Amino acid sequence: MDSAPPQARPNGAPRSADELPPEAIALATRMFDAARKGDERSVALLTQALGRGLPANLTNDKGDSLIMLSSYHGHAPLVRLLLQHGADPNRLNDRGQSPLAGVVFKNERECIEVLLEGGADPEVGEPSAIEACGVFGMGELEGVFRGQVEKLRGRGNGGRKEGRNEEGGEGEINGVS
């Protein structure tokens, strides 16, 4: 068994968070706190940090990304900002949860809308956002989510289900438009 310390990576990057300097940990903690708060000062801080290279998909020790934290706490403008900087709306945390399922649980309607606009997939995660709708009695969102799935998969007409309605005429089916 080799007891020698691990060799540094060629680019000098740390191998784990344990090797990060305390200042880096403190900065990351400030960013996660700002994502949770979502107030004007926090948005300004994250705007500046993202503009200077903060990874939009930064995750904490539980795998919660900035977009997971900001959406879960109902900060739609911050979710939009993170998406504009390349945050992945489908990134799962260490428990396999998606930001979209989290906002279904919290009933954060504006964040749901922003995440869907940003390409969130209602089928990813455990439970998925669609499954969470059933658990929390939010059947009205299930149709919206099914439309998003069709849109993301390239089926249908931009997520709309068109065809013959019950009266035999052309139009929407199942109220999804």
Protein backbone atom coordinates (compact mmCIF):
# COMPACT_ATOMS: atom_id res chain seq x y z
CA MET A 1 0.00 0.00 0.00
CA ASP A 2 1.40 3.36 -1.03
CA SER A 3 1.34 5.95 1.76
CA ALA A 4 2.77 8.76 -0.36
CA PRO A 5 0.54 11.84 -0.77
CA PRO A 6 -1.31 12.03 -4.08
CA GLN A 7 0.57 13.76 -6.83
CA ALA A 8 -0.73 17.12 -7.96
CA ARG A 9 -2.55 17.24 -11.25
CA PRO A 10 -0.50 18.55 -14.16
CA ASN A 11 -2.56 21.78 -14.25
CA GLY A 12 -2.15 22.28 -10.48
CA ALA A 13 -5.88 21.87 -9.81
CA PRO A 14 -6.89 20.32 -6.50
CA ARG A 15 -8.11 16.72 -6.59
CA SER A 16 -10.95 17.34 -4.12
CA ALA A 17 -12.66 20.09 -2.11
CA ASP A 18 -10.48 19.09 0.85
CA GLU A 19 -7.50 20.52 -1.03
CA LEU A 20 -9.12 23.91 -1.67
CA PRO A 21 -7.86 26.92 0.26
CA PRO A 22 -10.22 28.28 2.95
CA GLU A 23 -10.76 31.44 0.90
CA ALA A 24 -12.19 29.39 -2.00
CA ILE A 25 -14.55 27.56 0.36
CA ALA A 26 -15.68 30.89 1.85
CA LEU A 27 -16.34 32.33 -1.62
CA ALA A 28 -18.35 29.29 -2.68
CA THR A 29 -20.38 29.48 0.53
CA ARG A 30 -21.20 33.13 -0.22
CA MET A 31 -22.41 32.16 -3.70
CA PHE A 32 -24.66 29.39 -2.38
CA ASP A 33 -26.05 31.71 0.30
CA ALA A 34 -26.76 34.34 -2.38
CA ALA A 35 -28.62 31.74 -4.47
CA ARG A 36 -30.79 30.91 -1.46
CA LYS A 37 -31.46 34.56 -0.53
CA GLY A 38 -32.15 35.88 -4.00
CA ASP A 39 -32.48 39.48 -2.83
CA GLU A 40 -31.24 42.45 -4.87
CA ARG A 41 -27.80 42.38 -3.27
CA SER A 42 -27.47 38.64 -3.89
CA VAL A 43 -28.49 39.00 -7.53
CA ALA A 44 -25.87 41.75 -7.95
CA LEU A 45 -23.20 39.57 -6.34
CA LEU A 46 -23.99 36.57 -8.54
CA THR A 47 -24.24 38.75 -11.66
CA GLN A 48 -20.75 40.07 -10.99
CA ALA A 49 -19.32 36.65 -10.12
CA LEU A 50 -20.84 34.95 -13.17
CA GLY A 51 -19.49 37.73 -15.37
CA ARG A 52 -16.03 37.08 -13.96
CA GLY A 53 -16.11 33.35 -14.57
CA LEU A 54 -17.98 31.73 -11.69
CA PRO A 55 -19.24 28.41 -13.09
CA ALA A 56 -23.02 28.63 -13.50
CA ASN A 57 -23.22 24.92 -12.63
CA LEU A 58 -21.30 25.23 -9.36
CA THR A 59 -22.53 22.63 -6.85
CA ASN A 60 -22.23 22.31 -3.10
CA ASP A 61 -21.28 19.24 -1.07
CA LYS A 62 -24.80 17.78 -1.59
CA GLY A 63 -24.70 18.28 -5.34
CA ASP A 64 -27.17 21.17 -5.17
CA SER A 65 -26.41 23.61 -7.97
CA LEU A 66 -26.93 27.35 -7.83
CA ILE A 67 -30.02 26.93 -10.04
CA MET A 68 -31.40 24.21 -7.74
CA LEU A 69 -31.04 26.47 -4.69
CA SER A 70 -32.37 29.62 -6.33
CA SER A 71 -35.37 27.89 -7.90
CA TYR A 72 -36.22 25.94 -4.73
CA HIS A 73 -36.29 29.23 -2.83
CA GLY A 74 -38.51 30.87 -5.44
CA HIS A 75 -36.11 33.34 -7.04
CA ALA A 76 -37.23 33.31 -10.68
CA PRO A 77 -35.12 36.33 -11.78
CA LEU A 78 -32.02 34.60 -10.42
CA VAL A 79 -32.98 31.33 -12.14
CA ARG A 80 -33.27 33.29 -15.41
CA LEU A 81 -29.84 34.89 -14.82
CA LEU A 82 -28.23 31.51 -14.19
CA LEU A 83 -29.81 30.05 -17.32
CA GLN A 84 -28.47 33.00 -19.33
CA HIS A 85 -25.01 32.10 -18.05
CA GLY A 86 -25.32 28.46 -19.09
CA ALA A 87 -26.71 26.76 -15.98
CA ASP A 88 -28.12 23.31 -16.73
CA PRO A 89 -31.81 23.20 -15.73
CA ASN A 90 -31.65 19.38 -15.71
CA ARG A 91 -28.64 18.93 -13.45
CA LEU A 92 -29.53 16.48 -10.69
CA ASN A 93 -28.26 16.74 -7.13
CA ASP A 94 -26.68 13.83 -5.27
CA ARG A 95 -30.15 12.52 -4.34
CA GLY A 96 -31.21 12.42 -8.00
CA GLN A 97 -33.56 15.41 -7.67
CA SER A 98 -34.08 17.96 -10.43
CA PRO A 99 -34.69 21.69 -9.98
CA LEU A 100 -38.08 21.31 -11.72
CA ALA A 101 -39.30 18.61 -9.33
CA GLY A 102 -38.12 20.77 -6.44
CA VAL A 103 -40.21 23.74 -7.54
CA VAL A 104 -43.24 21.49 -8.01
CA PHE A 105 -42.80 20.43 -4.39
CA LYS A 106 -42.55 24.10 -3.34
CA ASN A 107 -45.31 25.19 -5.78
CA GLU A 108 -43.12 27.97 -7.20
CA ARG A 109 -45.11 28.67 -10.38
CA GLU A 110 -42.90 31.45 -11.75
CA CYS A 111 -39.79 29.30 -11.35
CA ILE A 112 -41.59 26.42 -13.07
CA GLU A 113 -42.24 28.69 -16.05
CA VAL A 114 -38.66 29.98 -16.19
CA LEU A 115 -37.18 26.48 -15.93
CA LEU A 116 -39.45 25.21 -18.71
CA GLU A 117 -38.45 28.17 -20.91
CA GLY A 118 -34.83 27.24 -20.16
CA GLY A 119 -35.31 23.68 -21.39
CA ALA A 120 -36.04 21.77 -18.17
CA ASP A 121 -37.08 18.18 -18.84
CA PRO A 122 -40.04 17.10 -16.67
CA GLU A 123 -39.02 13.43 -16.99
CA VAL A 124 -35.56 13.66 -15.40
CA GLY A 125 -34.86 12.97 -11.76
CA GLU A 126 -36.28 10.79 -9.06
CA PRO A 127 -39.03 11.59 -8.62
CA SER A 128 -39.49 13.37 -11.93
CA ALA A 129 -41.49 16.61 -12.04
CA ILE A 130 -44.34 14.69 -13.68
CA GLU A 131 -44.34 12.16 -10.85
CA ALA A 132 -44.19 14.99 -8.31
CA CYS A 133 -47.36 16.46 -9.86
CA GLY A 134 -49.19 13.26 -8.99
CA VAL A 135 -47.81 13.15 -5.47
CA PHE A 136 -48.75 16.76 -4.73
CA GLY A 137 -52.10 16.80 -6.56
CA MET A 138 -51.02 19.22 -9.29
CA GLY A 139 -52.63 17.49 -12.25
CA GLU A 140 -53.05 20.77 -14.12
CA LEU A 141 -49.26 20.94 -14.52
CA GLU A 142 -48.99 17.40 -15.82
CA GLY A 143 -50.43 18.40 -19.21
CA VAL A 144 -48.02 21.33 -19.44
CA PHE A 145 -45.14 19.02 -18.59
CA ARG A 146 -46.19 16.41 -21.16
CA GLY A 147 -46.23 19.19 -23.77
CA GLN A 148 -42.70 20.18 -22.73
CA VAL A 149 -41.54 16.58 -23.10
CA GLU A 150 -42.93 16.45 -26.64
CA LYS A 151 -41.27 19.76 -27.44
CA LEU A 152 -37.91 18.57 -26.10
CA ARG A 153 -38.16 15.26 -27.93
CA GLY A 154 -38.98 17.02 -31.21
CA ARG A 155 -42.40 15.43 -31.51
CA GLY A 156 -45.62 17.26 -32.14
CA ASN A 157 -45.90 20.88 -33.07
CA GLY A 158 -43.79 22.72 -30.50
CA GLY A 159 -45.40 20.73 -27.72
CA ARG A 160 -48.98 21.26 -28.96
CA LYS A 161 -51.19 18.29 -29.54
CA GLU A 162 -53.21 19.05 -32.61
CA GLY A 163 -55.77 16.94 -34.35
CA ARG A 164 -59.50 16.34 -34.21
CA ASN A 165 -61.32 17.57 -31.14
CA GLU A 166 -64.32 15.78 -29.65
CA GLU A 167 -66.70 17.59 -32.01
CA GLY A 168 -64.72 16.38 -35.02
CA GLY A 169 -63.19 19.77 -35.79
CA GLU A 170 -59.54 20.75 -35.88
CA GLY A 171 -57.94 22.17 -32.78
CA GLU A 172 -56.32 21.39 -29.46
CA ILE A 173 -56.63 18.07 -27.73
CA ASN A 174 -56.63 17.75 -23.93
CA GLY A 175 -56.43 21.53 -23.48
CA VAL A 176 -52.72 21.64 -24.25
CA SER A 177 -51.78 24.53 -26.48
